[in-house]
PDB file of N, CA and C in Angstrom:
ATOM      1  N   MET A   1      -1.473  36.693 -16.528  1.00  0.00           N
ATOM      2  CA  MET A   1      -1.751  35.626 -15.578  1.00  0.00           C
ATOM      3  C   MET A   1      -0.570  34.649 -15.566  1.00  0.00           C
ATOM      4  N   PRO A   2      -0.073  34.283 -14.391  1.00  0.00           N
ATOM      5  CA  PRO A   2       1.064  33.358 -14.331  1.00  0.00           C
ATOM      6  C   PRO A   2       0.676  31.956 -14.800  1.00  0.00           C
ATOM      7  N   LYS A   3       1.648  31.243 -15.376  1.00  0.00           N
ATOM      8  CA  LYS A   3       1.396  29.883 -15.834  1.00  0.00           C
ATOM      9  C   LYS A   3       1.589  28.917 -14.678  1.00  0.00           C
ATOM     10  N   VAL A   4       0.807  27.848 -14.707  1.00  0.00           N
ATOM     11  CA  VAL A   4       0.938  26.786 -13.719  1.00  0.00           C
ATOM     12  C   VAL A   4       1.367  25.532 -14.470  1.00  0.00           C
ATOM     13  N   HIS A   5       2.363  24.823 -13.958  1.00  0.00           N
ATOM     14  CA  HIS A   5       2.955  23.700 -14.670  1.00  0.00           C
ATOM     15  C   HIS A   5       2.172  22.399 -14.578  1.00  0.00           C
ATOM     16  N   VAL A   6       1.080  22.369 -13.821  1.00  0.00           N
ATOM     17  CA  VAL A   6       0.261  21.162 -13.720  1.00  0.00           C
ATOM     18  C   VAL A   6      -1.155  21.465 -14.183  1.00  0.00           C
ATOM     19  N   ARG A   7      -1.872  20.408 -14.528  1.00  0.00           N
ATOM     20  CA  ARG A   7      -3.251  20.534 -14.988  1.00  0.00           C
ATOM     21  C   ARG A   7      -4.163  19.681 -14.126  1.00  0.00           C
ATOM     22  N   LYS A   8      -5.451  19.931 -14.258  1.00  0.00           N
ATOM     23  CA  LYS A   8      -6.446  19.135 -13.555  1.00  0.00           C
ATOM     24  C   LYS A   8      -6.327  17.684 -14.016  1.00  0.00           C
ATOM     25  N   GLY A   9      -6.301  16.762 -13.071  1.00  0.00           N
ATOM     26  CA  GLY A   9      -6.199  15.341 -13.392  1.00  0.00           C
ATOM     27  C   GLY A   9      -4.786  14.784 -13.332  1.00  0.00           C
ATOM     28  N   ASP A  10      -3.768  15.637 -13.252  1.00  0.00           N
ATOM     29  CA  ASP A  10      -2.379  15.171 -13.153  1.00  0.00           C
ATOM     30  C   ASP A  10      -2.128  14.551 -11.778  1.00  0.00           C
ATOM     31  N   THR A  11      -1.200  13.604 -11.735  1.00  0.00           N
ATOM     32  CA  THR A  11      -0.732  13.067 -10.465  1.00  0.00           C
ATOM     33  C   THR A  11       0.498  13.867 -10.061  1.00  0.00           C
ATOM     34  N   VAL A  12       0.498  14.357  -8.830  1.00  0.00           N
ATOM     35  CA  VAL A  12       1.609  15.186  -8.361  1.00  0.00           C
ATOM     36  C   VAL A  12       2.140  14.660  -7.027  1.00  0.00           C
ATOM     37  N   LEU A  13       3.372  15.046  -6.724  1.00  0.00           N
ATOM     38  CA  LEU A  13       4.005  14.738  -5.457  1.00  0.00           C
ATOM     39  C   LEU A  13       4.247  16.051  -4.734  1.00  0.00           C
ATOM     40  N   VAL A  14       3.845  16.140  -3.476  1.00  0.00           N
ATOM     41  CA  VAL A  14       4.076  17.348  -2.681  1.00  0.00           C
ATOM     42  C   VAL A  14       5.525  17.300  -2.196  1.00  0.00           C
ATOM     43  N   ILE A  15       6.293  18.363  -2.481  1.00  0.00           N
ATOM     44  CA  ILE A  15       7.723  18.337  -2.164  1.00  0.00           C
ATOM     45  C   ILE A  15       8.089  19.144  -0.930  1.00  0.00           C
ATOM     46  N   THR A  16       7.218  20.045  -0.463  1.00  0.00           N
ATOM     47  CA  THR A  16       7.502  20.800   0.753  1.00  0.00           C
ATOM     48  C   THR A  16       6.237  20.969   1.564  1.00  0.00           C
ATOM     49  N   GLY A  17       6.409  21.374   2.813  1.00  0.00           N
ATOM     50  CA  GLY A  17       5.270  21.654   3.673  1.00  0.00           C
ATOM     51  C   GLY A  17       4.926  20.473   4.565  1.00  0.00           C
ATOM     52  N   LYS A  18       3.809  20.586   5.271  1.00  0.00           N
ATOM     53  CA  LYS A  18       3.423  19.556   6.236  1.00  0.00           C
ATOM     54  C   LYS A  18       3.027  18.246   5.576  1.00  0.00           C
ATOM     55  N   ASP A  19       2.655  18.288   4.288  1.00  0.00           N
ATOM     56  CA  ASP A  19       2.246  17.082   3.573  1.00  0.00           C
ATOM     57  C   ASP A  19       3.310  16.601   2.598  1.00  0.00           C
ATOM     58  N   ALA A  20       4.565  16.949   2.819  1.00  0.00           N
ATOM     59  CA  ALA A  20       5.651  16.566   1.913  1.00  0.00           C
ATOM     60  C   ALA A  20       5.723  15.051   1.786  1.00  0.00           C
ATOM     61  N   GLY A  21       5.883  14.583   0.549  1.00  0.00           N
ATOM     62  CA  GLY A  21       5.978  13.150   0.280  1.00  0.00           C
ATOM     63  C   GLY A  21       4.670  12.506  -0.111  1.00  0.00           C
ATOM     64  N   LYS A  22       3.556  13.213   0.024  1.00  0.00           N
ATOM     65  CA  LYS A  22       2.257  12.641  -0.343  1.00  0.00           C
ATOM     66  C   LYS A  22       2.011  12.803  -1.831  1.00  0.00           C
ATOM     67  N   LYS A  23       1.375  11.783  -2.414  1.00  0.00           N
ATOM     68  CA  LYS A  23       0.982  11.837  -3.818  1.00  0.00           C
ATOM     69  C   LYS A  23      -0.523  12.010  -3.892  1.00  0.00           C
ATOM     70  N   GLY A  24      -0.990  12.676  -4.941  1.00  0.00           N
ATOM     71  CA  GLY A  24      -2.421  12.831  -5.125  1.00  0.00           C
ATOM     72  C   GLY A  24      -2.739  13.379  -6.496  1.00  0.00           C
ATOM     73  N   LYS A  25      -4.030  13.385  -6.809  1.00  0.00           N
ATOM     74  CA  LYS A  25      -4.507  13.874  -8.094  1.00  0.00           C
ATOM     75  C   LYS A  25      -4.927  15.331  -7.952  1.00  0.00           C
ATOM     76  N   VAL A  26      -4.618  16.141  -8.950  1.00  0.00           N
ATOM     77  CA  VAL A  26      -4.996  17.553  -8.926  1.00  0.00           C
ATOM     78  C   VAL A  26      -6.494  17.650  -9.197  1.00  0.00           C
ATOM     79  N   LEU A  27      -7.234  18.236  -8.248  1.00  0.00           N
ATOM     80  CA  LEU A  27      -8.676  18.384  -8.391  1.00  0.00           C
ATOM     81  C   LEU A  27      -9.044  19.669  -9.112  1.00  0.00           C
ATOM     82  N   SER A  28      -8.304  20.745  -8.848  1.00  0.00           N
ATOM     83  CA  SER A  28      -8.557  22.003  -9.543  1.00  0.00           C
ATOM     84  C   SER A  28      -7.310  22.866  -9.509  1.00  0.00           C
ATOM     85  N   VAL A  29      -7.257  23.820 -10.450  1.00  0.00           N
ATOM     86  CA  VAL A  29      -6.112  24.720 -10.582  1.00  0.00           C
ATOM     87  C   VAL A  29      -6.636  26.148 -10.603  1.00  0.00           C
ATOM     88  N   GLU A  30      -6.003  27.032  -9.836  1.00  0.00           N
ATOM     89  CA  GLU A  30      -6.328  28.457  -9.833  1.00  0.00           C
ATOM     90  C   GLU A  30      -5.118  29.216 -10.365  1.00  0.00           C
ATOM     91  N   PRO A  31      -5.014  29.424 -11.701  1.00  0.00           N
ATOM     92  CA  PRO A  31      -3.823  30.051 -12.264  1.00  0.00           C
ATOM     93  C   PRO A  31      -3.608  31.490 -11.798  1.00  0.00           C
ATOM     94  N   ALA A  32      -4.666  32.225 -11.513  1.00  0.00           N
ATOM     95  CA  ALA A  32      -4.523  33.623 -11.094  1.00  0.00           C
ATOM     96  C   ALA A  32      -3.782  33.726  -9.763  1.00  0.00           C
ATOM     97  N   LYS A  33      -3.951  32.741  -8.896  1.00  0.00           N
ATOM     98  CA  LYS A  33      -3.294  32.742  -7.585  1.00  0.00           C
ATOM     99  C   LYS A  33      -2.136  31.757  -7.516  1.00  0.00           C
ATOM    100  N   SER A  34      -1.833  31.045  -8.613  1.00  0.00           N
ATOM    101  CA  SER A  34      -0.788  30.016  -8.668  1.00  0.00           C
ATOM    102  C   SER A  34      -1.008  28.949  -7.600  1.00  0.00           C
ATOM    103  N   ARG A  35      -2.231  28.511  -7.437  1.00  0.00           N
ATOM    104  CA  ARG A  35      -2.561  27.518  -6.415  1.00  0.00           C
ATOM    105  C   ARG A  35      -3.266  26.320  -7.036  1.00  0.00           C
ATOM    106  N   VAL A  36      -3.088  25.162  -6.400  1.00  0.00           N
ATOM    107  CA  VAL A  36      -3.738  23.935  -6.839  1.00  0.00           C
ATOM    108  C   VAL A  36      -4.376  23.252  -5.634  1.00  0.00           C
ATOM    109  N   ILE A  37      -5.431  22.498  -5.894  1.00  0.00           N
ATOM    110  CA  ILE A  37      -6.060  21.684  -4.858  1.00  0.00           C
ATOM    111  C   ILE A  37      -5.765  20.237  -5.211  1.00  0.00           C
ATOM    112  N   VAL A  38      -5.111  19.529  -4.280  1.00  0.00           N
ATOM    113  CA  VAL A  38      -4.695  18.151  -4.501  1.00  0.00           C
ATOM    114  C   VAL A  38      -5.511  17.243  -3.584  1.00  0.00           C
ATOM    115  N   GLU A  39      -5.930  16.105  -4.134  1.00  0.00           N
ATOM    116  CA  GLU A  39      -6.752  15.140  -3.415  1.00  0.00           C
ATOM    117  C   GLU A  39      -6.026  14.619  -2.179  1.00  0.00           C
ATOM    118  N   LYS A  40      -6.675  14.682  -1.013  1.00  0.00           N
ATOM    119  CA  LYS A  40      -6.180  14.177   0.275  1.00  0.00           C
ATOM    120  C   LYS A  40      -4.894  14.858   0.748  1.00  0.00           C
ATOM    121  N   VAL A  41      -4.669  16.106   0.330  1.00  0.00           N
ATOM    122  CA  VAL A  41      -3.499  16.869   0.752  1.00  0.00           C
ATOM    123  C   VAL A  41      -3.974  18.204   1.310  1.00  0.00           C
ATOM    124  N   ASN A  42      -3.366  18.666   2.394  1.00  0.00           N
ATOM    125  CA  ASN A  42      -3.724  19.915   3.067  1.00  0.00           C
ATOM    126  C   ASN A  42      -5.203  19.913   3.472  1.00  0.00           C
ATOM    127  N   VAL A  43      -5.600  18.861   4.156  1.00  0.00           N
ATOM    128  CA  VAL A  43      -6.991  18.721   4.597  1.00  0.00           C
ATOM    129  C   VAL A  43      -7.203  19.593   5.830  1.00  0.00           C
ATOM    130  N   VAL A  44      -8.248  20.440   5.764  1.00  0.00           N
ATOM    131  CA  VAL A  44      -8.574  21.339   6.865  1.00  0.00           C
ATOM    132  C   VAL A  44     -10.014  21.089   7.304  1.00  0.00           C
ATOM    133  N   LYS A  45     -10.333  21.520   8.522  1.00  0.00           N
ATOM    134  CA  LYS A  45     -11.688  21.367   9.039  1.00  0.00           C
ATOM    135  C   LYS A  45     -12.407  22.704   8.933  1.00  0.00           C
ATOM    136  N   ARG A  46     -13.620  22.671   8.431  1.00  0.00           N
ATOM    137  CA  ARG A  46     -14.448  23.867   8.313  1.00  0.00           C
ATOM    138  C   ARG A  46     -15.768  23.638   9.046  1.00  0.00           C
ATOM    139  N   HIS A  47     -16.208  24.645   9.764  1.00  0.00           N
ATOM    140  CA  HIS A  47     -17.494  24.570  10.449  1.00  0.00           C
ATOM    141  C   HIS A  47     -18.579  25.027   9.490  1.00  0.00           C
ATOM    142  N   ARG A  48     -19.582  24.189   9.280  1.00  0.00           N
ATOM    143  CA  ARG A  48     -20.662  24.488   8.339  1.00  0.00           C
ATOM    144  C   ARG A  48     -21.978  24.662   9.081  1.00  0.00           C
ATOM    145  N   LYS A  49     -22.686  25.701   8.681  1.00  0.00           N
ATOM    146  CA  LYS A  49     -24.014  25.945   9.223  1.00  0.00           C
ATOM    147  C   LYS A  49     -24.995  24.976   8.556  1.00  0.00           C
ATOM    148  N   ALA A  50     -26.065  24.637   9.241  1.00  0.00           N
ATOM    149  CA  ALA A  50     -27.069  23.733   8.694  1.00  0.00           C
ATOM    150  C   ALA A  50     -27.743  24.374   7.477  1.00  0.00           C
ATOM    151  N   THR A  51     -27.915  23.592   6.420  1.00  0.00           N
ATOM    152  CA  THR A  51     -28.581  24.031   5.193  1.00  0.00           C
ATOM    153  C   THR A  51     -29.582  22.953   4.784  1.00  0.00           C
ATOM    154  N   PRO A  52     -30.451  23.250   3.825  1.00  0.00           N
ATOM    155  CA  PRO A  52     -31.377  22.198   3.360  1.00  0.00           C
ATOM    156  C   PRO A  52     -30.650  20.965   2.801  1.00  0.00           C
ATOM    157  N   GLN A  53     -29.486  21.160   2.163  1.00  0.00           N
ATOM    158  CA  GLN A  53     -28.734  20.017   1.643  1.00  0.00           C
ATOM    159  C   GLN A  53     -28.046  19.232   2.767  1.00  0.00           C
ATOM    160  N   MET A  54     -27.627  19.951   3.814  1.00  0.00           N
ATOM    161  CA  MET A  54     -26.953  19.327   4.951  1.00  0.00           C
ATOM    162  C   MET A  54     -27.657  19.802   6.224  1.00  0.00           C
ATOM    163  N   PRO A  55     -28.786  19.186   6.575  1.00  0.00           N
ATOM    164  CA  PRO A  55     -29.602  19.701   7.681  1.00  0.00           C
ATOM    165  C   PRO A  55     -28.912  19.657   9.042  1.00  0.00           C
ATOM    166  N   GLN A  56     -27.951  18.773   9.232  1.00  0.00           N
ATOM    167  CA  GLN A  56     -27.300  18.664  10.525  1.00  0.00           C
ATOM    168  C   GLN A  56     -26.231  19.739  10.732  1.00  0.00           C
ATOM    169  N   GLY A  57     -25.559  20.146   9.642  1.00  0.00           N
ATOM    170  CA  GLY A  57     -24.436  21.062   9.798  1.00  0.00           C
ATOM    171  C   GLY A  57     -23.252  20.321  10.391  1.00  0.00           C
ATOM    172  N   GLY A  58     -22.339  21.040  11.024  1.00  0.00           N
ATOM    173  CA  GLY A  58     -21.238  20.388  11.711  1.00  0.00           C
ATOM    174  C   GLY A  58     -19.880  20.729  11.132  1.00  0.00           C
ATOM    175  N   ILE A  59     -18.900  19.902  11.457  1.00  0.00           N
ATOM    176  CA  ILE A  59     -17.520  20.113  11.030  1.00  0.00           C
ATOM    177  C   ILE A  59     -17.242  19.231   9.820  1.00  0.00           C
ATOM    178  N   VAL A  60     -16.765  19.854   8.748  1.00  0.00           N
ATOM    179  CA  VAL A  60     -16.515  19.150   7.490  1.00  0.00           C
ATOM    180  C   VAL A  60     -15.027  19.245   7.172  1.00  0.00           C
ATOM    181  N   GLU A  61     -14.436  18.141   6.736  1.00  0.00           N
ATOM    182  CA  GLU A  61     -13.042  18.152   6.299  1.00  0.00           C
ATOM    183  C   GLU A  61     -12.996  18.319   4.787  1.00  0.00           C
ATOM    184  N   GLN A  62     -12.137  19.229   4.320  1.00  0.00           N
ATOM    185  CA  GLN A  62     -12.002  19.448   2.882  1.00  0.00           C
ATOM    186  C   GLN A  62     -10.567  19.845   2.562  1.00  0.00           C
ATOM    187  N   GLU A  63     -10.195  19.689   1.274  1.00  0.00           N
ATOM    188  CA  GLU A  63      -8.851  20.044   0.841  1.00  0.00           C
ATOM    189  C   GLU A  63      -8.761  21.546   0.638  1.00  0.00           C
ATOM    190  N   ALA A  64      -7.666  22.130   1.092  1.00  0.00           N
ATOM    191  CA  ALA A  64      -7.404  23.558   0.884  1.00  0.00           C
ATOM    192  C   ALA A  64      -6.331  23.693  -0.188  1.00  0.00           C
ATOM    193  N   PRO A  65      -6.304  24.830  -0.892  1.00  0.00           N
ATOM    194  CA  PRO A  65      -5.293  25.007  -1.935  1.00  0.00           C
ATOM    195  C   PRO A  65      -3.877  25.143  -1.373  1.00  0.00           C
ATOM    196  N   ILE A  66      -2.897  24.683  -2.161  1.00  0.00           N
ATOM    197  CA  ILE A  66      -1.492  24.883  -1.835  1.00  0.00           C
ATOM    198  C   ILE A  66      -0.826  25.534  -3.042  1.00  0.00           C
ATOM    199  N   HIS A  67       0.305  26.166  -2.827  1.00  0.00           N
ATOM    200  CA  HIS A  67       0.986  26.863  -3.917  1.00  0.00           C
ATOM    201  C   HIS A  67       1.534  25.854  -4.916  1.00  0.00           C
ATOM    202  N   SER A  68       1.463  26.209  -6.196  1.00  0.00           N
ATOM    203  CA  SER A  68       1.868  25.271  -7.244  1.00  0.00           C
ATOM    204  C   SER A  68       3.363  24.970  -7.216  1.00  0.00           C
ATOM    205  N   SER A  69       4.169  25.854  -6.610  1.00  0.00           N
ATOM    206  CA  SER A  69       5.611  25.594  -6.527  1.00  0.00           C
ATOM    207  C   SER A  69       5.926  24.488  -5.525  1.00  0.00           C
ATOM    208  N   ASN A  70       4.964  24.106  -4.688  1.00  0.00           N
ATOM    209  CA  ASN A  70       5.182  23.064  -3.691  1.00  0.00           C
ATOM    210  C   ASN A  70       4.839  21.670  -4.198  1.00  0.00           C
ATOM    211  N   VAL A  71       4.431  21.557  -5.465  1.00  0.00           N
ATOM    212  CA  VAL A  71       4.113  20.246  -6.035  1.00  0.00           C
ATOM    213  C   VAL A  71       4.958  20.013  -7.276  1.00  0.00           C
ATOM    214  N   MET A  72       5.207  18.738  -7.545  1.00  0.00           N
ATOM    215  CA  MET A  72       5.990  18.354  -8.714  1.00  0.00           C
ATOM    216  C   MET A  72       5.237  17.256  -9.447  1.00  0.00           C
ATOM    217  N   LEU A  73       5.179  17.354 -10.764  1.00  0.00           N
ATOM    218  CA  LEU A  73       4.485  16.369 -11.583  1.00  0.00           C
ATOM    219  C   LEU A  73       5.115  15.001 -11.382  1.00  0.00           C
ATOM    220  N   PHE A  74       4.286  13.956 -11.316  1.00  0.00           N
ATOM    221  CA  PHE A  74       4.757  12.600 -11.041  1.00  0.00           C
ATOM    222  C   PHE A  74       4.514  11.732 -12.267  1.00  0.00           C
ATOM    223  N   CYS A  75       5.575  11.074 -12.763  1.00  0.00           N
ATOM    224  CA  CYS A  75       5.468  10.189 -13.922  1.00  0.00           C
ATOM    225  C   CYS A  75       5.158   8.788 -13.418  1.00  0.00           C
ATOM    226  N   ASN A  76       4.059   8.207 -13.889  1.00  0.00           N
ATOM    227  CA  ASN A  76       3.666   6.876 -13.437  1.00  0.00           C
ATOM    228  C   ASN A  76       4.508   5.780 -14.075  1.00  0.00           C
ATOM    229  N   LYS A  77       5.104   6.046 -15.242  1.00  0.00           N
ATOM    230  CA  LYS A  77       5.908   5.013 -15.906  1.00  0.00           C
ATOM    231  C   LYS A  77       7.237   4.798 -15.193  1.00  0.00           C
ATOM    232  N   CYS A  78       7.992   5.893 -14.950  1.00  0.00           N
ATOM    233  CA  CYS A  78       9.292   5.733 -14.290  1.00  0.00           C
ATOM    234  C   CYS A  78       9.178   5.857 -12.773  1.00  0.00           C
ATOM    235  N   ASN A  79       7.977   6.136 -12.272  1.00  0.00           N
ATOM    236  CA  ASN A  79       7.682   6.184 -10.839  1.00  0.00           C
ATOM    237  C   ASN A  79       8.566   7.189 -10.103  1.00  0.00           C
ATOM    238  N   LYS A  80       8.762   8.377 -10.723  1.00  0.00           N
ATOM    239  CA  LYS A  80       9.569   9.444 -10.136  1.00  0.00           C
ATOM    240  C   LYS A  80       8.869  10.778 -10.342  1.00  0.00           C
ATOM    241  N   PRO A  81       9.129  11.750  -9.441  1.00  0.00           N
ATOM    242  CA  PRO A  81       8.694  13.109  -9.746  1.00  0.00           C
ATOM    243  C   PRO A  81       9.578  13.659 -10.857  1.00  0.00           C
ATOM    244  N   THR A  82       9.013  14.455 -11.745  1.00  0.00           N
ATOM    245  CA  THR A  82       9.764  14.888 -12.909  1.00  0.00           C
ATOM    246  C   THR A  82       9.385  16.289 -13.334  1.00  0.00           C
ATOM    247  N   ARG A  83      10.287  16.902 -14.070  1.00  0.00           N
ATOM    248  CA  ARG A  83       9.957  18.121 -14.781  1.00  0.00           C
ATOM    249  C   ARG A  83       9.428  17.699 -16.142  1.00  0.00           C
ATOM    250  N   ILE A  84       8.870  18.657 -16.866  1.00  0.00           N
ATOM    251  CA  ILE A  84       8.369  18.315 -18.186  1.00  0.00           C
ATOM    252  C   ILE A  84       9.143  19.066 -19.247  1.00  0.00           C
ATOM    253  N   LYS A  85       9.157  18.492 -20.425  1.00  0.00           N
ATOM    254  CA  LYS A  85       9.647  19.216 -21.589  1.00  0.00           C
ATOM    255  C   LYS A  85       8.573  19.115 -22.648  1.00  0.00           C
ATOM    256  N   LYS A  86       8.593  20.037 -23.580  1.00  0.00           N
ATOM    257  CA  LYS A  86       7.581  20.082 -24.628  1.00  0.00           C
ATOM    258  C   LYS A  86       8.155  19.459 -25.894  1.00  0.00           C
ATOM    259  N   ARG A  87       7.359  18.619 -26.535  1.00  0.00           N
ATOM    260  CA  ARG A  87       7.735  18.028 -27.813  1.00  0.00           C
ATOM    261  C   ARG A  87       6.745  18.542 -28.849  1.00  0.00           C
ATOM    262  N   ILE A  88       7.262  19.039 -29.960  1.00  0.00           N
ATOM    263  CA  ILE A  88       6.391  19.550 -31.016  1.00  0.00           C
ATOM    264  C   ILE A  88       6.109  18.421 -31.995  1.00  0.00           C
ATOM    265  N   LEU A  89       4.838  18.168 -32.223  1.00  0.00           N
ATOM    266  CA  LEU A  89       4.421  17.104 -33.129  1.00  0.00           C
ATOM    267  C   LEU A  89       4.448  17.592 -34.570  1.00  0.00           C
ATOM    268  N   ASP A  90       4.256  16.665 -35.520  1.00  0.00           N
ATOM    269  CA  ASP A  90       4.284  17.005 -36.942  1.00  0.00           C
ATOM    270  C   ASP A  90       3.200  18.011 -37.322  1.00  0.00           C
ATOM    271  N   ASN A  91       2.042  17.915 -36.663  1.00  0.00           N
ATOM    272  CA  ASN A  91       0.931  18.815 -36.997  1.00  0.00           C
ATOM    273  C   ASN A  91       1.042  20.177 -36.308  1.00  0.00           C
ATOM    274  N   GLY A  92       2.145  20.429 -35.576  1.00  0.00           N
ATOM    275  CA  GLY A  92       2.358  21.724 -34.932  1.00  0.00           C
ATOM    276  C   GLY A  92       1.896  21.790 -33.497  1.00  0.00           C
ATOM    277  N   ASN A  93       1.189  20.765 -33.024  1.00  0.00           N
ATOM    278  CA  ASN A  93       0.740  20.746 -31.630  1.00  0.00           C
ATOM    279  C   ASN A  93       1.894  20.367 -30.715  1.00  0.00           C
ATOM    280  N   LYS A  94       1.762  20.730 -29.438  1.00  0.00           N
ATOM    281  CA  LYS A  94       2.773  20.402 -28.443  1.00  0.00           C
ATOM    282  C   LYS A  94       2.222  19.335 -27.500  1.00  0.00           C
ATOM    283  N   GLU A  95       3.131  18.508 -26.980  1.00  0.00           N
ATOM    284  CA  GLU A  95       2.748  17.549 -25.950  1.00  0.00           C
ATOM    285  C   GLU A  95       3.762  17.608 -24.823  1.00  0.00           C
ATOM    286  N   ARG A  96       3.298  17.276 -23.613  1.00  0.00           N
ATOM    287  CA  ARG A  96       4.178  17.276 -22.450  1.00  0.00           C
ATOM    288  C   ARG A  96       4.849  15.910 -22.326  1.00  0.00           C
ATOM    289  N   VAL A  97       6.164  15.919 -22.074  1.00  0.00           N
ATOM    290  CA  VAL A  97       6.949  14.691 -22.041  1.00  0.00           C
ATOM    291  C   VAL A  97       7.764  14.657 -20.752  1.00  0.00           C
ATOM    292  N   CYS A  98       7.891  13.473 -20.160  1.00  0.00           N
ATOM    293  CA  CYS A  98       8.713  13.271 -18.961  1.00  0.00           C
ATOM    294  C   CYS A  98      10.183  13.446 -19.331  1.00  0.00           C
ATOM    295  N   LYS A  99      10.928  14.199 -18.504  1.00  0.00           N
ATOM    296  CA  LYS A  99      12.353  14.426 -18.775  1.00  0.00           C
ATOM    297  C   LYS A  99      13.193  13.176 -18.549  1.00  0.00           C
ATOM    298  N   HIS A 100      12.736  12.252 -17.676  1.00  0.00           N
ATOM    299  CA  HIS A 100      13.528  11.063 -17.370  1.00  0.00           C
ATOM    300  C   HIS A 100      13.365   9.970 -18.419  1.00  0.00           C
ATOM    301  N   CYS A 101      12.104   9.596 -18.703  1.00  0.00           N
ATOM    302  CA  CYS A 101      11.880   8.421 -19.536  1.00  0.00           C
ATOM    303  C   CYS A 101      11.337   8.749 -20.922  1.00  0.00           C
ATOM    304  N   GLY A 102      10.924   9.984 -21.170  1.00  0.00           N
ATOM    305  CA  GLY A 102      10.402  10.357 -22.480  1.00  0.00           C
ATOM    306  C   GLY A 102       8.955   9.973 -22.701  1.00  0.00           C
ATOM    307  N   GLU A 103       8.265   9.521 -21.653  1.00  0.00           N
ATOM    308  CA  GLU A 103       6.863   9.130 -21.772  1.00  0.00           C
ATOM    309  C   GLU A 103       5.972  10.366 -21.908  1.00  0.00           C
ATOM    310  N   THR A 104       4.963  10.272 -22.775  1.00  0.00           N
ATOM    311  CA  THR A 104       4.019  11.363 -22.947  1.00  0.00           C
ATOM    312  C   THR A 104       3.110  11.451 -21.730  1.00  0.00           C
ATOM    313  N   LEU A 105       2.972  12.637 -21.166  1.00  0.00           N
ATOM    314  CA  LEU A 105       2.085  12.874 -20.030  1.00  0.00           C
ATOM    315  C   LEU A 105       0.808  13.493 -20.564  1.00  0.00           C
ATOM    316  N   SER A 106      -0.313  12.941 -20.173  1.00  0.00           N
ATOM    317  CA  SER A 106      -1.583  13.456 -20.696  1.00  0.00           C
ATOM    318  C   SER A 106      -1.960  14.777 -20.079  1.00  0.00           C
TER     319      SER A 106
END
């Protein structure tokens, strides 16, 4: 399975496509397809049939997945999109670190 460089809850910047320049939070990650769903990015309209939960039915707007290569992790401290590097802690665990400012990314 291919690795995806972002995780659920990360803030990312879209770098290509129709939504280039938009920032948002990652809502979900699909590593098997290398796709991510970002909040308020790639919003599409879907026609929904009436159900007991939604008796009216109608047209619903929702986020569609985009390829993970089209997003870049965003560091809130230095306010820039960044790559990550891994830092090995004393106990052997790894943490993700911003390449620009050295801030730990959760």
